N, C-alpha and C. Protein backbone atom coordinates (compact mmCIF):
# COMPACT_ATOMS: atom_id res chain seq x y z
N UNK A 1 146.36 127.84 48.79
CA UNK A 1 145.95 128.08 50.08
C UNK A 1 145.52 126.96 50.56
N UNK A 2 145.45 126.15 51.50
CA UNK A 2 144.88 125.02 51.83
C UNK A 2 143.92 125.73 53.02
N UNK A 3 142.86 124.99 53.97
CA UNK A 3 141.84 124.99 55.24
C UNK A 3 141.41 123.72 55.52
N UNK A 4 141.95 123.65 56.05
CA UNK A 4 141.58 122.94 57.48
C UNK A 4 140.18 122.54 58.31
N UNK A 5 139.31 122.12 58.01
CA UNK A 5 137.47 123.50 59.01
C UNK A 5 137.27 121.48 59.39
N UNK A 6 137.38 121.57 60.30
CA UNK A 6 135.78 120.13 60.63
C UNK A 6 134.65 120.24 60.23
N UNK A 7 134.63 118.53 59.29
CA UNK A 7 133.80 118.08 57.98
C UNK A 7 132.07 118.68 58.92
N UNK A 8 131.31 118.32 60.20
CA UNK A 8 130.34 118.51 60.54
C UNK A 8 129.81 119.82 60.04
N UNK A 9 131.19 120.61 60.89
CA UNK A 9 130.73 122.69 60.73
C UNK A 9 130.59 122.74 59.31
N UNK A 10 131.71 122.33 58.30
CA UNK A 10 131.29 123.45 57.12
C UNK A 10 130.05 122.86 56.90
N UNK A 11 129.90 121.07 57.12
CA UNK A 11 128.25 120.43 56.26
C UNK A 11 126.97 122.01 56.14
N UNK A 12 127.26 121.69 57.61
CA UNK A 12 125.70 122.21 58.86
C UNK A 12 126.23 124.45 58.01
N UNK A 13 127.39 124.46 57.61
CA UNK A 13 127.50 125.81 57.57
C UNK A 13 126.62 126.28 56.19
N UNK A 14 127.86 126.01 55.51
CA UNK A 14 127.38 126.10 53.89
C UNK A 14 125.50 125.08 53.74
N UNK A 15 125.03 124.75 54.39
CA UNK A 15 123.72 124.24 54.01
C UNK A 15 122.95 125.42 54.36
N UNK A 16 123.54 126.44 55.90
CA UNK A 16 122.97 127.13 55.48
C UNK A 16 123.38 128.71 54.83
N UNK A 17 124.57 128.97 54.21
CA UNK A 17 124.14 129.76 53.29
C UNK A 17 123.80 129.98 51.50
N UNK A 18 123.42 127.81 51.10
CA UNK A 18 123.37 127.64 49.77
C UNK A 18 121.71 128.33 50.19
N UNK A 19 120.67 128.05 51.22
CA UNK A 19 119.89 128.56 50.97
C UNK A 19 119.26 129.91 50.38
N UNK A 20 120.48 131.03 50.49
CA UNK A 20 120.37 132.20 49.35
C UNK A 20 121.13 132.28 48.13
N UNK A 21 121.49 131.08 47.82
CA UNK A 21 122.48 130.91 46.43
C UNK A 21 120.56 130.99 45.38
N UNK A 22 121.08 131.87 44.42
CA UNK A 22 119.89 131.36 43.34
C UNK A 22 120.42 130.71 42.88
N UNK A 23 119.37 129.55 42.21
CA UNK A 23 119.85 128.62 41.05
C UNK A 23 120.41 129.14 39.84
N UNK A 24 118.85 130.16 39.11
CA UNK A 24 119.94 130.61 38.31
C UNK A 24 119.61 132.23 37.98
N UNK A 25 120.34 132.74 38.92
CA UNK A 25 120.31 134.56 39.11
C UNK A 25 121.26 135.49 37.96
N UNK A 26 120.47 136.80 37.73
CA UNK A 26 120.55 137.42 36.83
C UNK A 26 121.70 137.82 36.56
N UNK A 27 123.23 137.85 37.24
CA UNK A 27 124.78 138.08 38.03
C UNK A 27 125.43 136.46 38.46
N UNK A 28 125.85 136.45 37.00
CA UNK A 28 127.13 135.63 38.06
C UNK A 28 127.09 135.08 38.83
N UNK A 29 127.55 136.16 39.38
CA UNK A 29 128.79 136.41 40.69
C UNK A 29 127.71 136.22 42.11
N UNK A 30 126.14 136.04 41.81
CA UNK A 30 125.13 135.80 43.21
C UNK A 30 125.37 133.70 43.68
N UNK A 31 125.58 133.67 41.76
CA UNK A 31 125.66 132.05 42.11
C UNK A 31 126.45 131.55 42.50
N UNK A 32 127.19 132.06 43.97
CA UNK A 32 128.48 131.68 44.69
C UNK A 32 128.85 131.97 46.15
N UNK A 33 129.07 131.11 46.52
CA UNK A 33 129.04 131.40 48.01
C UNK A 33 131.14 131.62 48.08
N UNK A 34 130.42 133.00 49.61
CA UNK A 34 132.24 133.93 49.11
C UNK A 34 132.59 133.13 50.99
N UNK A 35 134.30 133.39 51.02
CA UNK A 35 135.12 132.75 52.17
C UNK A 35 135.91 133.58 52.00
N UNK A 36 136.38 134.14 53.29
CA UNK A 36 136.83 135.62 53.65
C UNK A 36 137.29 135.49 55.26
N UNK A 37 138.80 134.67 55.25
CA UNK A 37 139.56 135.32 56.32
C UNK A 37 140.40 136.25 57.19
N UNK A 38 139.47 135.63 58.10
CA UNK A 38 139.91 138.05 59.04
C UNK A 38 139.94 137.54 60.49
N UNK A 39 141.17 138.22 61.00
CA UNK A 39 141.39 137.67 62.47
C UNK A 39 140.91 136.72 63.04
N UNK A 40 141.75 135.59 61.55
CA UNK A 40 141.56 134.01 62.79
C UNK A 40 139.97 133.54 62.12
N UNK A 41 139.04 133.92 62.17
CA UNK A 41 137.37 133.64 61.71
C UNK A 41 137.10 133.83 60.24
N UNK A 42 136.78 132.40 59.44
CA UNK A 42 136.42 132.47 58.24
C UNK A 42 135.09 132.52 58.50
N UNK A 43 134.20 133.45 57.59
CA UNK A 43 133.44 134.08 56.57
C UNK A 43 133.25 134.30 55.60
N UNK A 44 132.37 132.76 56.13
CA UNK A 44 131.24 132.45 54.58
C UNK A 44 130.08 133.42 54.13
N UNK A 45 129.53 133.69 53.14
CA UNK A 45 128.69 134.38 53.31
C UNK A 45 127.79 134.09 51.33
N UNK A 46 126.46 134.97 51.44
CA UNK A 46 126.29 135.03 50.09
C UNK A 46 124.94 135.29 50.12
N UNK A 47 124.56 136.16 49.19
CA UNK A 47 122.90 136.77 48.52
C UNK A 47 122.59 136.91 47.51
N UNK A 48 121.31 136.65 47.42
CA UNK A 48 120.83 137.33 45.71
C UNK A 48 119.73 139.00 45.59
N UNK A 49 120.82 139.69 46.30
CA UNK A 49 120.68 141.07 47.04
C UNK A 49 119.32 141.69 47.14
N UNK A 50 118.22 139.87 47.63
CA UNK A 50 117.70 141.13 48.36
C UNK A 50 117.04 139.86 49.66
N UNK A 51 117.72 138.70 49.74
CA UNK A 51 117.90 138.42 51.12
C UNK A 51 119.66 137.88 51.12
N UNK A 52 120.16 138.02 52.90
CA UNK A 52 121.70 137.55 52.84
C UNK A 52 122.27 136.63 53.90
N UNK A 53 123.03 136.26 54.03
CA UNK A 53 123.71 135.32 54.63
C UNK A 53 124.74 135.08 55.27
N UNK A 54 125.03 135.33 56.42
CA UNK A 54 126.29 135.07 56.90
C UNK A 54 126.23 134.15 57.68
N UNK A 55 127.57 133.58 57.93
CA UNK A 55 127.62 132.46 59.57
C UNK A 55 129.67 132.59 59.00
N UNK A 56 129.97 132.02 59.92
CA UNK A 56 131.37 131.75 60.99
C UNK A 56 131.95 130.44 61.26
N UNK A 57 133.31 130.36 60.55
CA UNK A 57 133.64 129.51 61.67
C UNK A 57 134.89 129.31 62.16
N UNK A 58 135.48 129.42 63.05
CA UNK A 58 136.22 130.43 64.15
C UNK A 58 137.49 128.45 64.31
N UNK A 59 136.88 127.38 64.44
CA UNK A 59 137.43 125.81 64.28
C UNK A 59 138.27 126.16 62.70
N UNK A 60 139.76 126.44 62.58
CA UNK A 60 139.74 126.04 61.14
C UNK A 60 140.94 126.44 61.61
N UNK A 61 142.15 125.57 60.37
CA UNK A 61 143.21 125.73 60.04
C UNK A 61 143.90 125.98 59.01
N UNK A 62 145.13 126.89 58.93
CA UNK A 62 144.76 126.86 56.87
C UNK A 62 146.37 127.56 57.55
N UNK A 63 147.30 127.43 55.37
CA UNK A 63 148.90 126.88 55.28
C UNK A 63 148.62 128.77 54.77
N UNK A 64 148.14 129.53 55.31
CA UNK A 64 148.57 131.11 55.17
C UNK A 64 147.17 131.49 54.83
N UNK A 65 147.60 133.09 54.19
CA UNK A 65 146.58 134.00 54.18
C UNK A 65 145.62 134.08 52.60
N UNK A 66 144.06 133.91 53.51
CA UNK A 66 143.11 134.49 52.67
C UNK A 66 142.30 134.99 53.14
N UNK A 67 141.64 135.53 51.54
CA UNK A 67 141.92 137.82 51.59
C UNK A 67 139.84 137.00 50.79
N UNK A 68 140.05 137.14 49.86
CA UNK A 68 138.52 136.94 49.48
C UNK A 68 139.05 134.95 48.89
N UNK A 69 137.51 134.76 48.27
CA UNK A 69 137.05 133.55 47.19
C UNK A 69 135.95 133.02 47.39
N UNK A 70 136.30 133.99 45.65
CA UNK A 70 134.50 133.07 45.18
C UNK A 70 134.70 131.72 45.13
N UNK A 71 134.22 130.78 45.78
CA UNK A 71 133.30 129.87 45.20
C UNK A 71 133.49 129.00 44.17
N UNK A 72 133.29 130.17 43.84
CA UNK A 72 133.11 129.52 41.50
C UNK A 72 134.40 130.15 41.12
N UNK A 73 134.92 130.97 41.54
CA UNK A 73 136.47 131.02 40.51
C UNK A 73 138.06 130.26 40.59
N UNK A 74 137.70 130.22 39.02
CA UNK A 74 138.27 128.97 38.95
C UNK A 74 140.56 128.85 39.03
N UNK A 75 140.58 130.23 38.93
CA UNK A 75 141.76 130.42 38.97
C UNK A 75 142.37 130.57 39.56
N UNK A 76 142.22 130.49 41.03
CA UNK A 76 142.44 130.52 42.85
C UNK A 76 142.38 129.09 43.30
N UNK A 77 143.21 128.04 43.29
CA UNK A 77 143.28 127.27 43.97
C UNK A 77 142.70 127.46 45.23
N UNK A 78 141.64 126.50 46.07
CA UNK A 78 141.53 126.54 46.81
C UNK A 78 141.01 124.66 47.64
N UNK A 79 141.78 125.07 48.83
CA UNK A 79 141.46 123.30 48.99
C UNK A 79 141.08 123.23 50.16
N UNK A 80 140.44 121.64 50.46
CA UNK A 80 139.23 122.66 51.45
C UNK A 80 139.58 120.22 51.93
N UNK A 81 140.43 120.34 53.45
CA UNK A 81 140.15 119.25 54.22
C UNK A 81 139.16 119.05 55.14
N UNK A 82 138.51 118.29 55.69
CA UNK A 82 137.92 117.69 56.48
C UNK A 82 138.82 117.28 57.02
N UNK A 83 138.96 117.69 59.02
CA UNK A 83 139.45 116.73 60.05
C UNK A 83 138.16 115.86 60.57
């Protein structure tokens, strides 16, 4: 899977979402950011079970279909390039 996203937009969105990612979470799954592509929209989200944040990017290209990616998931390759 390869995503090409404008650098400034990705940096802005990740900055917003990362504010709800806890540094030390009770559950490891809460220490990551979720990427999901559906209907031409990249949704980026995170939660700490009390607060959640979801944002979208509509300007990107991809070389395939992306279902769900947890950013700390080491078994699925995800390449993000900057336009």
